[in-house]
PDB file of N, CA and C in Angstrom:
ATOM      1  N   MET A   1      32.556  14.564  -6.569  1.00  0.00           N
ATOM      2  CA  MET A   1      32.062  13.238  -6.284  1.00  0.00           C
ATOM      3  C   MET A   1      32.284  12.939  -4.801  1.00  0.00           C
ATOM      4  N   VAL A   2      31.295  12.325  -4.192  1.00  0.00           N
ATOM      5  CA  VAL A   2      31.380  11.977  -2.782  1.00  0.00           C
ATOM      6  C   VAL A   2      31.943  10.568  -2.661  1.00  0.00           C
ATOM      7  N   THR A   3      32.931  10.431  -1.818  1.00  0.00           N
ATOM      8  CA  THR A   3      33.510   9.105  -1.603  1.00  0.00           C
ATOM      9  C   THR A   3      32.943   8.507  -0.329  1.00  0.00           C
ATOM     10  N   TYR A   4      33.050   7.201  -0.225  1.00  0.00           N
ATOM     11  CA  TYR A   4      32.550   6.527   0.970  1.00  0.00           C
ATOM     12  C   TYR A   4      33.277   7.006   2.222  1.00  0.00           C
ATOM     13  N   THR A   5      34.561   7.239   2.113  1.00  0.00           N
ATOM     14  CA  THR A   5      35.296   7.685   3.299  1.00  0.00           C
ATOM     15  C   THR A   5      34.814   9.054   3.745  1.00  0.00           C
ATOM     16  N   THR A   6      34.452   9.914   2.796  1.00  0.00           N
ATOM     17  CA  THR A   6      33.915  11.224   3.154  1.00  0.00           C
ATOM     18  C   THR A   6      32.622  11.056   3.940  1.00  0.00           C
ATOM     19  N   LEU A   7      31.759  10.179   3.479  1.00  0.00           N
ATOM     20  CA  LEU A   7      30.492   9.951   4.171  1.00  0.00           C
ATOM     21  C   LEU A   7      30.701   9.323   5.539  1.00  0.00           C
ATOM     22  N   LEU A   8      31.649   8.427   5.625  1.00  0.00           N
ATOM     23  CA  LEU A   8      31.892   7.743   6.892  1.00  0.00           C
ATOM     24  C   LEU A   8      32.529   8.657   7.929  1.00  0.00           C
ATOM     25  N   ASP A   9      33.262   9.654   7.482  1.00  0.00           N
ATOM     26  CA  ASP A   9      33.936  10.560   8.400  1.00  0.00           C
ATOM     27  C   ASP A   9      33.024  11.661   8.936  1.00  0.00           C
ATOM     28  N   LYS A  10      31.877  11.881   8.306  1.00  0.00           N
ATOM     29  CA  LYS A  10      30.973  12.938   8.754  1.00  0.00           C
ATOM     30  C   LYS A  10      30.212  12.497   9.998  1.00  0.00           C
ATOM     31  N   PRO A  11      30.014  13.427  10.915  1.00  0.00           N
ATOM     32  CA  PRO A  11      29.154  13.108  12.057  1.00  0.00           C
ATOM     33  C   PRO A  11      27.731  12.833  11.565  1.00  0.00           C
ATOM     34  N   ILE A  12      26.986  12.075  12.331  1.00  0.00           N
ATOM     35  CA  ILE A  12      25.625  11.715  11.942  1.00  0.00           C
ATOM     36  C   ILE A  12      24.777  12.954  11.692  1.00  0.00           C
ATOM     37  N   SER A  13      24.960  13.992  12.473  1.00  0.00           N
ATOM     38  CA  SER A  13      24.151  15.199  12.316  1.00  0.00           C
ATOM     39  C   SER A  13      24.362  15.861  10.961  1.00  0.00           C
ATOM     40  N   GLU A  14      25.510  15.650  10.322  1.00  0.00           N
ATOM     41  CA  GLU A  14      25.780  16.249   9.018  1.00  0.00           C
ATOM     42  C   GLU A  14      25.341  15.351   7.869  1.00  0.00           C
ATOM     43  N   ALA A  15      25.070  14.108   8.149  1.00  0.00           N
ATOM     44  CA  ALA A  15      24.646  13.193   7.092  1.00  0.00           C
ATOM     45  C   ALA A  15      23.252  13.589   6.615  1.00  0.00           C
ATOM     46  N   ALA A  16      22.948  13.232   5.386  1.00  0.00           N
ATOM     47  CA  ALA A  16      21.628  13.537   4.827  1.00  0.00           C
ATOM     48  C   ALA A  16      20.562  12.795   5.628  1.00  0.00           C
ATOM     49  N   PRO A  17      19.432  13.456   5.874  1.00  0.00           N
ATOM     50  CA  PRO A  17      18.366  12.781   6.623  1.00  0.00           C
ATOM     51  C   PRO A  17      17.834  11.591   5.833  1.00  0.00           C
ATOM     52  N   ARG A  18      17.462  10.555   6.560  1.00  0.00           N
ATOM     53  CA  ARG A  18      16.928   9.367   5.898  1.00  0.00           C
ATOM     54  C   ARG A  18      15.520   9.644   5.413  1.00  0.00           C
ATOM     55  N   LYS A  19      15.274   9.253   4.207  1.00  0.00           N
ATOM     56  CA  LYS A  19      13.959   9.407   3.619  1.00  0.00           C
ATOM     57  C   LYS A  19      13.155   8.149   3.938  1.00  0.00           C
ATOM     58  N   ALA A  20      11.923   8.345   4.370  1.00  0.00           N
ATOM     59  CA  ALA A  20      11.063   7.190   4.639  1.00  0.00           C
ATOM     60  C   ALA A  20      10.814   6.458   3.330  1.00  0.00           C
ATOM     61  N   PRO A  21      10.840   5.144   3.360  1.00  0.00           N
ATOM     62  CA  PRO A  21      10.632   4.409   2.116  1.00  0.00           C
ATOM     63  C   PRO A  21       9.228   4.643   1.570  1.00  0.00           C
ATOM     64  N   GLU A  22       9.150   4.771   0.266  1.00  0.00           N
ATOM     65  CA  GLU A  22       7.857   4.942  -0.385  1.00  0.00           C
ATOM     66  C   GLU A  22       7.065   3.648  -0.223  1.00  0.00           C
ATOM     67  N   PRO A  23       5.768   3.759   0.060  1.00  0.00           N
ATOM     68  CA  PRO A  23       4.992   2.531   0.218  1.00  0.00           C
ATOM     69  C   PRO A  23       4.958   1.745  -1.092  1.00  0.00           C
ATOM     70  N   LEU A  24       4.970   0.445  -0.975  1.00  0.00           N
ATOM     71  CA  LEU A  24       4.881  -0.404  -2.149  1.00  0.00           C
ATOM     72  C   LEU A  24       3.446  -0.412  -2.656  1.00  0.00           C
ATOM     73  N   LEU A  25       3.283  -0.665  -3.951  1.00  0.00           N
ATOM     74  CA  LEU A  25       1.944  -0.717  -4.530  1.00  0.00           C
ATOM     75  C   LEU A  25       1.104  -1.781  -3.838  1.00  0.00           C
ATOM     76  N   ARG A  26       1.701  -2.931  -3.525  1.00  0.00           N
ATOM     77  CA  ARG A  26       0.916  -3.993  -2.877  1.00  0.00           C
ATOM     78  C   ARG A  26       0.413  -3.540  -1.505  1.00  0.00           C
ATOM     79  N   GLU A  27       1.193  -2.713  -0.802  1.00  0.00           N
ATOM     80  CA  GLU A  27       0.756  -2.196   0.493  1.00  0.00           C
ATOM     81  C   GLU A  27      -0.390  -1.200   0.326  1.00  0.00           C
ATOM     82  N   ALA A  28      -0.264  -0.332  -0.664  1.00  0.00           N
ATOM     83  CA  ALA A  28      -1.313   0.659  -0.917  1.00  0.00           C
ATOM     84  C   ALA A  28      -2.598  -0.020  -1.382  1.00  0.00           C
ATOM     85  N   LEU A  29      -2.477  -1.035  -2.236  1.00  0.00           N
ATOM     86  CA  LEU A  29      -3.663  -1.770  -2.683  1.00  0.00           C
ATOM     87  C   LEU A  29      -4.320  -2.499  -1.518  1.00  0.00           C
ATOM     88  N   GLY A  30      -3.514  -3.111  -0.682  1.00  0.00           N
ATOM     89  CA  GLY A  30      -4.059  -3.812   0.477  1.00  0.00           C
ATOM     90  C   GLY A  30      -4.813  -2.882   1.404  1.00  0.00           C
ATOM     91  N   ALA A  31      -4.235  -1.725   1.664  1.00  0.00           N
ATOM     92  CA  ALA A  31      -4.901  -0.745   2.531  1.00  0.00           C
ATOM     93  C   ALA A  31      -6.202  -0.257   1.898  1.00  0.00           C
ATOM     94  N   ALA A  32      -6.190  -0.069   0.582  1.00  0.00           N
ATOM     95  CA  ALA A  32      -7.403   0.367  -0.116  1.00  0.00           C
ATOM     96  C   ALA A  32      -8.484  -0.708  -0.036  1.00  0.00           C
ATOM     97  N   LEU A  33      -8.101  -1.962  -0.246  1.00  0.00           N
ATOM     98  CA  LEU A  33      -9.078  -3.052  -0.152  1.00  0.00           C
ATOM     99  C   LEU A  33      -9.666  -3.134   1.258  1.00  0.00           C
ATOM    100  N   ARG A  34      -8.821  -3.015   2.253  1.00  0.00           N
ATOM    101  CA  ARG A  34      -9.295  -3.060   3.642  1.00  0.00           C
ATOM    102  C   ARG A  34     -10.249  -1.898   3.921  1.00  0.00           C
ATOM    103  N   SER A  35      -9.922  -0.722   3.410  1.00  0.00           N
ATOM    104  CA  SER A  35     -10.772   0.449   3.605  1.00  0.00           C
ATOM    105  C   SER A  35     -12.141   0.250   2.948  1.00  0.00           C
ATOM    106  N   PHE A  36     -12.145  -0.249   1.715  1.00  0.00           N
ATOM    107  CA  PHE A  36     -13.410  -0.508   1.023  1.00  0.00           C
ATOM    108  C   PHE A  36     -14.226  -1.558   1.781  1.00  0.00           C
ATOM    109  N   ARG A  37     -13.568  -2.599   2.267  1.00  0.00           N
ATOM    110  CA  ARG A  37     -14.264  -3.654   3.011  1.00  0.00           C
ATOM    111  C   ARG A  37     -14.876  -3.090   4.292  1.00  0.00           C
ATOM    112  N   ALA A  38     -14.120  -2.264   5.005  1.00  0.00           N
ATOM    113  CA  ALA A  38     -14.624  -1.657   6.245  1.00  0.00           C
ATOM    114  C   ALA A  38     -15.815  -0.744   5.959  1.00  0.00           C
ATOM    115  N   ASP A  39     -15.714   0.033   4.878  1.00  0.00           N
ATOM    116  CA  ASP A  39     -16.812   0.932   4.513  1.00  0.00           C
ATOM    117  C   ASP A  39     -18.096   0.167   4.207  1.00  0.00           C
ATOM    118  N   LYS A  40     -17.961  -1.029   3.648  1.00  0.00           N
ATOM    119  CA  LYS A  40     -19.130  -1.856   3.309  1.00  0.00           C
ATOM    120  C   LYS A  40     -19.630  -2.660   4.507  1.00  0.00           C
ATOM    121  N   GLY A  41     -18.851  -2.691   5.586  1.00  0.00           N
ATOM    122  CA  GLY A  41     -19.247  -3.451   6.763  1.00  0.00           C
ATOM    123  C   GLY A  41     -19.206  -4.956   6.541  1.00  0.00           C
ATOM    124  N   VAL A  42     -18.267  -5.395   5.707  1.00  0.00           N
ATOM    125  CA  VAL A  42     -18.128  -6.810   5.365  1.00  0.00           C
ATOM    126  C   VAL A  42     -16.957  -7.387   6.151  1.00  0.00           C
ATOM    127  N   THR A  43     -17.142  -8.578   6.693  1.00  0.00           N
ATOM    128  CA  THR A  43     -16.039  -9.221   7.405  1.00  0.00           C
ATOM    129  C   THR A  43     -15.056  -9.815   6.403  1.00  0.00           C
ATOM    130  N   LEU A  44     -13.873 -10.073   6.874  1.00  0.00           N
ATOM    131  CA  LEU A  44     -12.845 -10.692   6.037  1.00  0.00           C
ATOM    132  C   LEU A  44     -13.337 -12.043   5.521  1.00  0.00           C
ATOM    133  N   ARG A  45     -13.951 -12.810   6.391  1.00  0.00           N
ATOM    134  CA  ARG A  45     -14.454 -14.138   6.009  1.00  0.00           C
ATOM    135  C   ARG A  45     -15.545 -14.030   4.938  1.00  0.00           C
ATOM    136  N   GLU A  46     -16.457 -13.077   5.107  1.00  0.00           N
ATOM    137  CA  GLU A  46     -17.529 -12.885   4.118  1.00  0.00           C
ATOM    138  C   GLU A  46     -16.958 -12.494   2.758  1.00  0.00           C
ATOM    139  N   LEU A  47     -16.001 -11.581   2.770  1.00  0.00           N
ATOM    140  CA  LEU A  47     -15.396 -11.152   1.510  1.00  0.00           C
ATOM    141  C   LEU A  47     -14.611 -12.286   0.867  1.00  0.00           C
ATOM    142  N   ALA A  48     -13.914 -13.046   1.673  1.00  0.00           N
ATOM    143  CA  ALA A  48     -13.147 -14.173   1.146  1.00  0.00           C
ATOM    144  C   ALA A  48     -14.068 -15.170   0.456  1.00  0.00           C
ATOM    145  N   GLU A  49     -15.184 -15.467   1.089  1.00  0.00           N
ATOM    146  CA  GLU A  49     -16.137 -16.410   0.504  1.00  0.00           C
ATOM    147  C   GLU A  49     -16.727 -15.858  -0.792  1.00  0.00           C
ATOM    148  N   ALA A  50     -17.120 -14.591  -0.775  1.00  0.00           N
ATOM    149  CA  ALA A  50     -17.735 -13.981  -1.957  1.00  0.00           C
ATOM    150  C   ALA A  50     -16.762 -13.859  -3.125  1.00  0.00           C
ATOM    151  N   SER A  51     -15.489 -13.671  -2.829  1.00  0.00           N
ATOM    152  CA  SER A  51     -14.496 -13.512  -3.898  1.00  0.00           C
ATOM    153  C   SER A  51     -13.756 -14.812  -4.207  1.00  0.00           C
ATOM    154  N   ARG A  52     -14.124 -15.888  -3.504  1.00  0.00           N
ATOM    155  CA  ARG A  52     -13.553 -17.223  -3.728  1.00  0.00           C
ATOM    156  C   ARG A  52     -12.044 -17.274  -3.505  1.00  0.00           C
ATOM    157  N   VAL A  53     -11.637 -16.723  -2.373  1.00  0.00           N
ATOM    158  CA  VAL A  53     -10.229 -16.753  -1.972  1.00  0.00           C
ATOM    159  C   VAL A  53     -10.197 -17.114  -0.486  1.00  0.00           C
ATOM    160  N   SER A  54      -9.142 -17.717  -0.035  1.00  0.00           N
ATOM    161  CA  SER A  54      -9.084 -18.100   1.378  1.00  0.00           C
ATOM    162  C   SER A  54      -8.973 -16.851   2.257  1.00  0.00           C
ATOM    163  N   PRO A  55      -9.558 -16.903   3.452  1.00  0.00           N
ATOM    164  CA  PRO A  55      -9.446 -15.759   4.365  1.00  0.00           C
ATOM    165  C   PRO A  55      -7.991 -15.414   4.683  1.00  0.00           C
ATOM    166  N   GLY A  56      -7.154 -16.423   4.814  1.00  0.00           N
ATOM    167  CA  GLY A  56      -5.741 -16.170   5.106  1.00  0.00           C
ATOM    168  C   GLY A  56      -5.046 -15.412   3.990  1.00  0.00           C
ATOM    169  N   TYR A  57      -5.325 -15.807   2.755  1.00  0.00           N
ATOM    170  CA  TYR A  57      -4.697 -15.135   1.620  1.00  0.00           C
ATOM    171  C   TYR A  57      -5.218 -13.706   1.498  1.00  0.00           C
ATOM    172  N   LEU A  58      -6.523 -13.526   1.699  1.00  0.00           N
ATOM    173  CA  LEU A  58      -7.098 -12.185   1.644  1.00  0.00           C
ATOM    174  C   LEU A  58      -6.487 -11.299   2.727  1.00  0.00           C
ATOM    175  N   SER A  59      -6.274 -11.858   3.899  1.00  0.00           N
ATOM    176  CA  SER A  59      -5.624 -11.115   4.978  1.00  0.00           C
ATOM    177  C   SER A  59      -4.215 -10.691   4.570  1.00  0.00           C
ATOM    178  N   GLU A  60      -3.487 -11.599   3.938  1.00  0.00           N
ATOM    179  CA  GLU A  60      -2.132 -11.276   3.456  1.00  0.00           C
ATOM    180  C   GLU A  60      -2.185 -10.145   2.425  1.00  0.00           C
ATOM    181  N   LEU A  61      -3.189 -10.171   1.546  1.00  0.00           N
ATOM    182  CA  LEU A  61      -3.341  -9.099   0.551  1.00  0.00           C
ATOM    183  C   LEU A  61      -3.599  -7.766   1.241  1.00  0.00           C
ATOM    184  N   GLU A  62      -4.518  -7.757   2.187  1.00  0.00           N
ATOM    185  CA  GLU A  62      -4.864  -6.516   2.878  1.00  0.00           C
ATOM    186  C   GLU A  62      -3.693  -5.947   3.667  1.00  0.00           C
ATOM    187  N   ARG A  63      -2.820  -6.803   4.154  1.00  0.00           N
ATOM    188  CA  ARG A  63      -1.658  -6.336   4.914  1.00  0.00           C
ATOM    189  C   ARG A  63      -0.475  -6.010   4.012  1.00  0.00           C
ATOM    190  N   GLY A  64      -0.659  -6.141   2.699  1.00  0.00           N
ATOM    191  CA  GLY A  64       0.407  -5.808   1.760  1.00  0.00           C
ATOM    192  C   GLY A  64       1.529  -6.818   1.733  1.00  0.00           C
ATOM    193  N   ARG A  65       1.264  -8.031   2.161  1.00  0.00           N
ATOM    194  CA  ARG A  65       2.296  -9.073   2.204  1.00  0.00           C
ATOM    195  C   ARG A  65       2.381  -9.866   0.910  1.00  0.00           C
ATOM    196  N   LYS A  66       1.285  -9.875   0.137  1.00  0.00           N
ATOM    197  CA  LYS A  66       1.232 -10.637  -1.113  1.00  0.00           C
ATOM    198  C   LYS A  66       0.874  -9.711  -2.265  1.00  0.00           C
ATOM    199  N   GLU A  67       1.421 -10.032  -3.428  1.00  0.00           N
ATOM    200  CA  GLU A  67       1.038  -9.328  -4.656  1.00  0.00           C
ATOM    201  C   GLU A  67      -0.316  -9.868  -5.101  1.00  0.00           C
ATOM    202  N   VAL A  68      -1.140  -9.017  -5.655  1.00  0.00           N
ATOM    203  CA  VAL A  68      -2.451  -9.448  -6.127  1.00  0.00           C
ATOM    204  C   VAL A  68      -2.445  -9.474  -7.655  1.00  0.00           C
ATOM    205  N   SER A  69      -2.985 -10.540  -8.230  1.00  0.00           N
ATOM    206  CA  SER A  69      -3.107 -10.610  -9.688  1.00  0.00           C
ATOM    207  C   SER A  69      -4.288  -9.746 -10.115  1.00  0.00           C
ATOM    208  N   SER A  70      -4.315  -9.374 -11.376  1.00  0.00           N
ATOM    209  CA  SER A  70      -5.421  -8.552 -11.868  1.00  0.00           C
ATOM    210  C   SER A  70      -6.741  -9.312 -11.769  1.00  0.00           C
ATOM    211  N   GLU A  71      -6.704 -10.630 -11.990  1.00  0.00           N
ATOM    212  CA  GLU A  71      -7.924 -11.433 -11.907  1.00  0.00           C
ATOM    213  C   GLU A  71      -8.463 -11.471 -10.477  1.00  0.00           C
ATOM    214  N   LEU A  72      -7.574 -11.681  -9.522  1.00  0.00           N
ATOM    215  CA  LEU A  72      -8.009 -11.737  -8.127  1.00  0.00           C
ATOM    216  C   LEU A  72      -8.474 -10.363  -7.652  1.00  0.00           C
ATOM    217  N   LEU A  73      -7.777  -9.321  -8.065  1.00  0.00           N
ATOM    218  CA  LEU A  73      -8.192  -7.967  -7.702  1.00  0.00           C
ATOM    219  C   LEU A  73      -9.595  -7.698  -8.229  1.00  0.00           C
ATOM    220  N   ALA A  74      -9.859  -8.096  -9.471  1.00  0.00           N
ATOM    221  CA  ALA A  74     -11.190  -7.903 -10.054  1.00  0.00           C
ATOM    222  C   ALA A  74     -12.245  -8.682  -9.273  1.00  0.00           C
ATOM    223  N   SER A  75     -11.921  -9.895  -8.860  1.00  0.00           N
ATOM    224  CA  SER A  75     -12.863 -10.723  -8.105  1.00  0.00           C
ATOM    225  C   SER A  75     -13.186 -10.096  -6.751  1.00  0.00           C
ATOM    226  N   VAL A  76     -12.171  -9.622  -6.056  1.00  0.00           N
ATOM    227  CA  VAL A  76     -12.379  -9.003  -4.742  1.00  0.00           C
ATOM    228  C   VAL A  76     -13.158  -7.697  -4.896  1.00  0.00           C
ATOM    229  N   CYS A  77     -12.799  -6.901  -5.881  1.00  0.00           N
ATOM    230  CA  CYS A  77     -13.510  -5.635  -6.113  1.00  0.00           C
ATOM    231  C   CYS A  77     -14.978  -5.893  -6.434  1.00  0.00           C
ATOM    232  N   HIS A  78     -15.235  -6.882  -7.304  1.00  0.00           N
ATOM    233  CA  HIS A  78     -16.612  -7.226  -7.662  1.00  0.00           C
ATOM    234  C   HIS A  78     -17.403  -7.624  -6.413  1.00  0.00           C
ATOM    235  N   ALA A  79     -16.792  -8.435  -5.555  1.00  0.00           N
ATOM    236  CA  ALA A  79     -17.457  -8.862  -4.323  1.00  0.00           C
ATOM    237  C   ALA A  79     -17.744  -7.678  -3.399  1.00  0.00           C
ATOM    238  N   LEU A  80     -16.929  -6.635  -3.495  1.00  0.00           N
ATOM    239  CA  LEU A  80     -17.132  -5.429  -2.683  1.00  0.00           C
ATOM    240  C   LEU A  80     -18.104  -4.445  -3.331  1.00  0.00           C
ATOM    241  N   GLY A  81     -18.477  -4.715  -4.580  1.00  0.00           N
ATOM    242  CA  GLY A  81     -19.332  -3.774  -5.297  1.00  0.00           C
ATOM    243  C   GLY A  81     -18.579  -2.532  -5.722  1.00  0.00           C
ATOM    244  N   ALA A  82     -17.285  -2.666  -5.902  1.00  0.00           N
ATOM    245  CA  ALA A  82     -16.429  -1.542  -6.310  1.00  0.00           C
ATOM    246  C   ALA A  82     -15.743  -1.902  -7.620  1.00  0.00           C
ATOM    247  N   SER A  83     -15.340  -0.897  -8.347  1.00  0.00           N
ATOM    248  CA  SER A  83     -14.591  -1.158  -9.576  1.00  0.00           C
ATOM    249  C   SER A  83     -13.101  -1.245  -9.250  1.00  0.00           C
ATOM    250  N   VAL A  84     -12.389  -1.931 -10.115  1.00  0.00           N
ATOM    251  CA  VAL A  84     -10.932  -1.999  -9.962  1.00  0.00           C
ATOM    252  C   VAL A  84     -10.363  -0.586 -10.010  1.00  0.00           C
ATOM    253  N   ALA A  85     -10.921   0.238 -10.892  1.00  0.00           N
ATOM    254  CA  ALA A  85     -10.441   1.619 -11.018  1.00  0.00           C
ATOM    255  C   ALA A  85     -10.586   2.378  -9.701  1.00  0.00           C
ATOM    256  N   ASP A  86     -11.716   2.189  -9.014  1.00  0.00           N
ATOM    257  CA  ASP A  86     -11.919   2.876  -7.729  1.00  0.00           C
ATOM    258  C   ASP A  86     -10.843   2.494  -6.716  1.00  0.00           C
ATOM    259  N   VAL A  87     -10.529   1.209  -6.654  1.00  0.00           N
ATOM    260  CA  VAL A  87      -9.527   0.734  -5.698  1.00  0.00           C
ATOM    261  C   VAL A  87      -8.140   1.234  -6.090  1.00  0.00           C
ATOM    262  N   LEU A  88      -7.840   1.216  -7.385  1.00  0.00           N
ATOM    263  CA  LEU A  88      -6.539   1.712  -7.848  1.00  0.00           C
ATOM    264  C   LEU A  88      -6.391   3.206  -7.580  1.00  0.00           C
ATOM    265  N   ILE A  89      -7.464   3.951  -7.781  1.00  0.00           N
ATOM    266  CA  ILE A  89      -7.425   5.397  -7.513  1.00  0.00           C
ATOM    267  C   ILE A  89      -7.188   5.652  -6.026  1.00  0.00           C
ATOM    268  N   GLU A  90      -7.860   4.885  -5.176  1.00  0.00           N
ATOM    269  CA  GLU A  90      -7.653   5.019  -3.720  1.00  0.00           C
ATOM    270  C   GLU A  90      -6.201   4.722  -3.352  1.00  0.00           C
ATOM    271  N   ALA A  91      -5.656   3.644  -3.924  1.00  0.00           N
ATOM    272  CA  ALA A  91      -4.269   3.263  -3.632  1.00  0.00           C
ATOM    273  C   ALA A  91      -3.297   4.327  -4.136  1.00  0.00           C
ATOM    274  N   ALA A  92      -3.524   4.797  -5.361  1.00  0.00           N
ATOM    275  CA  ALA A  92      -2.646   5.824  -5.924  1.00  0.00           C
ATOM    276  C   ALA A  92      -2.731   7.113  -5.113  1.00  0.00           C
ATOM    277  N   GLY A  93      -3.924   7.435  -4.639  1.00  0.00           N
ATOM    278  CA  GLY A  93      -4.096   8.629  -3.818  1.00  0.00           C
ATOM    279  C   GLY A  93      -3.306   8.556  -2.527  1.00  0.00           C
ATOM    280  N   SER A  94      -3.319   7.392  -1.892  1.00  0.00           N
ATOM    281  CA  SER A  94      -2.561   7.264  -0.641  1.00  0.00           C
ATOM    282  C   SER A  94      -1.064   7.349  -0.899  1.00  0.00           C
ATOM    283  N   MET A  95      -0.623   6.833  -2.043  1.00  0.00           N
ATOM    284  CA  MET A  95       0.799   6.934  -2.389  1.00  0.00           C
ATOM    285  C   MET A  95       1.173   8.388  -2.687  1.00  0.00           C
ATOM    286  N   ALA A  96       0.260   9.117  -3.329  1.00  0.00           N
ATOM    287  CA  ALA A  96       0.515  10.527  -3.637  1.00  0.00           C
ATOM    288  C   ALA A  96       0.584  11.356  -2.358  1.00  0.00           C
ATOM    289  N   VAL A  97      -0.283  11.044  -1.398  1.00  0.00           N
ATOM    290  CA  VAL A  97      -0.256  11.755  -0.110  1.00  0.00           C
ATOM    291  C   VAL A  97       1.079  11.515   0.581  1.00  0.00           C
ATOM    292  N   HIS A  98       1.550  10.272   0.551  1.00  0.00           N
ATOM    293  CA  HIS A  98       2.846   9.952   1.161  1.00  0.00           C
ATOM    294  C   HIS A  98       3.958  10.767   0.492  1.00  0.00           C
ATOM    295  N   ALA A  99       3.946  10.829  -0.834  1.00  0.00           N
ATOM    296  CA  ALA A  99       4.973  11.577  -1.563  1.00  0.00           C
ATOM    297  C   ALA A  99       4.902  13.066  -1.229  1.00  0.00           C
ATOM    298  N   ALA A 100       3.690  13.603  -1.113  1.00  0.00           N
ATOM    299  CA  ALA A 100       3.529  15.021  -0.781  1.00  0.00           C
ATOM    300  C   ALA A 100       4.050  15.314   0.624  1.00  0.00           C
ATOM    301  N   ARG A 101       3.810  14.397   1.552  1.00  0.00           N
ATOM    302  CA  ARG A 101       4.323  14.581   2.915  1.00  0.00           C
ATOM    303  C   ARG A 101       5.846  14.600   2.917  1.00  0.00           C
ATOM    304  N   GLU A 102       6.441  13.723   2.125  1.00  0.00           N
ATOM    305  CA  GLU A 102       7.903  13.684   2.020  1.00  0.00           C
ATOM    306  C   GLU A 102       8.430  14.999   1.449  1.00  0.00           C
ATOM    307  N   ASP A 103       7.770  15.504   0.408  1.00  0.00           N
ATOM    308  CA  ASP A 103       8.188  16.777  -0.187  1.00  0.00           C
ATOM    309  C   ASP A 103       8.053  17.913   0.818  1.00  0.00           C
ATOM    310  N   PHE A 104       6.958  17.928   1.558  1.00  0.00           N
ATOM    311  CA  PHE A 104       6.720  18.975   2.543  1.00  0.00           C
ATOM    312  C   PHE A 104       7.749  18.906   3.668  1.00  0.00           C
ATOM    313  N   ALA A 105       8.123  17.704   4.055  1.00  0.00           N
ATOM    314  CA  ALA A 105       9.091  17.529   5.142  1.00  0.00           C
ATOM    315  C   ALA A 105      10.468  18.062   4.756  1.00  0.00           C
ATOM    316  N   ARG A 106      10.772  18.053   3.466  1.00  0.00           N
ATOM    317  CA  ARG A 106      12.078  18.542   3.002  1.00  0.00           C
ATOM    318  C   ARG A 106      12.150  20.059   2.962  1.00  0.00           C
ATOM    319  N   VAL A 107      11.006  20.718   3.011  1.00  0.00           N
ATOM    320  CA  VAL A 107      10.985  22.186   2.902  1.00  0.00           C
ATOM    321  C   VAL A 107      11.344  22.829   4.204  1.00  0.00           C
TER     322      VAL A 107
END
């Protein structure tokens, strides 16, 4: 068993490398929504109006600052002409890429 004093006494070079935090689902969803919006050539304001959400709140969603409800996600996806599944797959894919990079970095 490792004790705190053992960890504190080790030089930094011997300590375990810090693992980058895994992206949160809200961050991955936000990035996916932003990517879909950019691909469609739709402005934030246009998408906000079409999905009946304020531009500020939509911006917070895209930046991963707010959690999105399933109803709001469906509304935004519909306004983008995309399915919820497509956006979830994009988000999950980006999270999987992050995990693979972490695994590769440990090798």
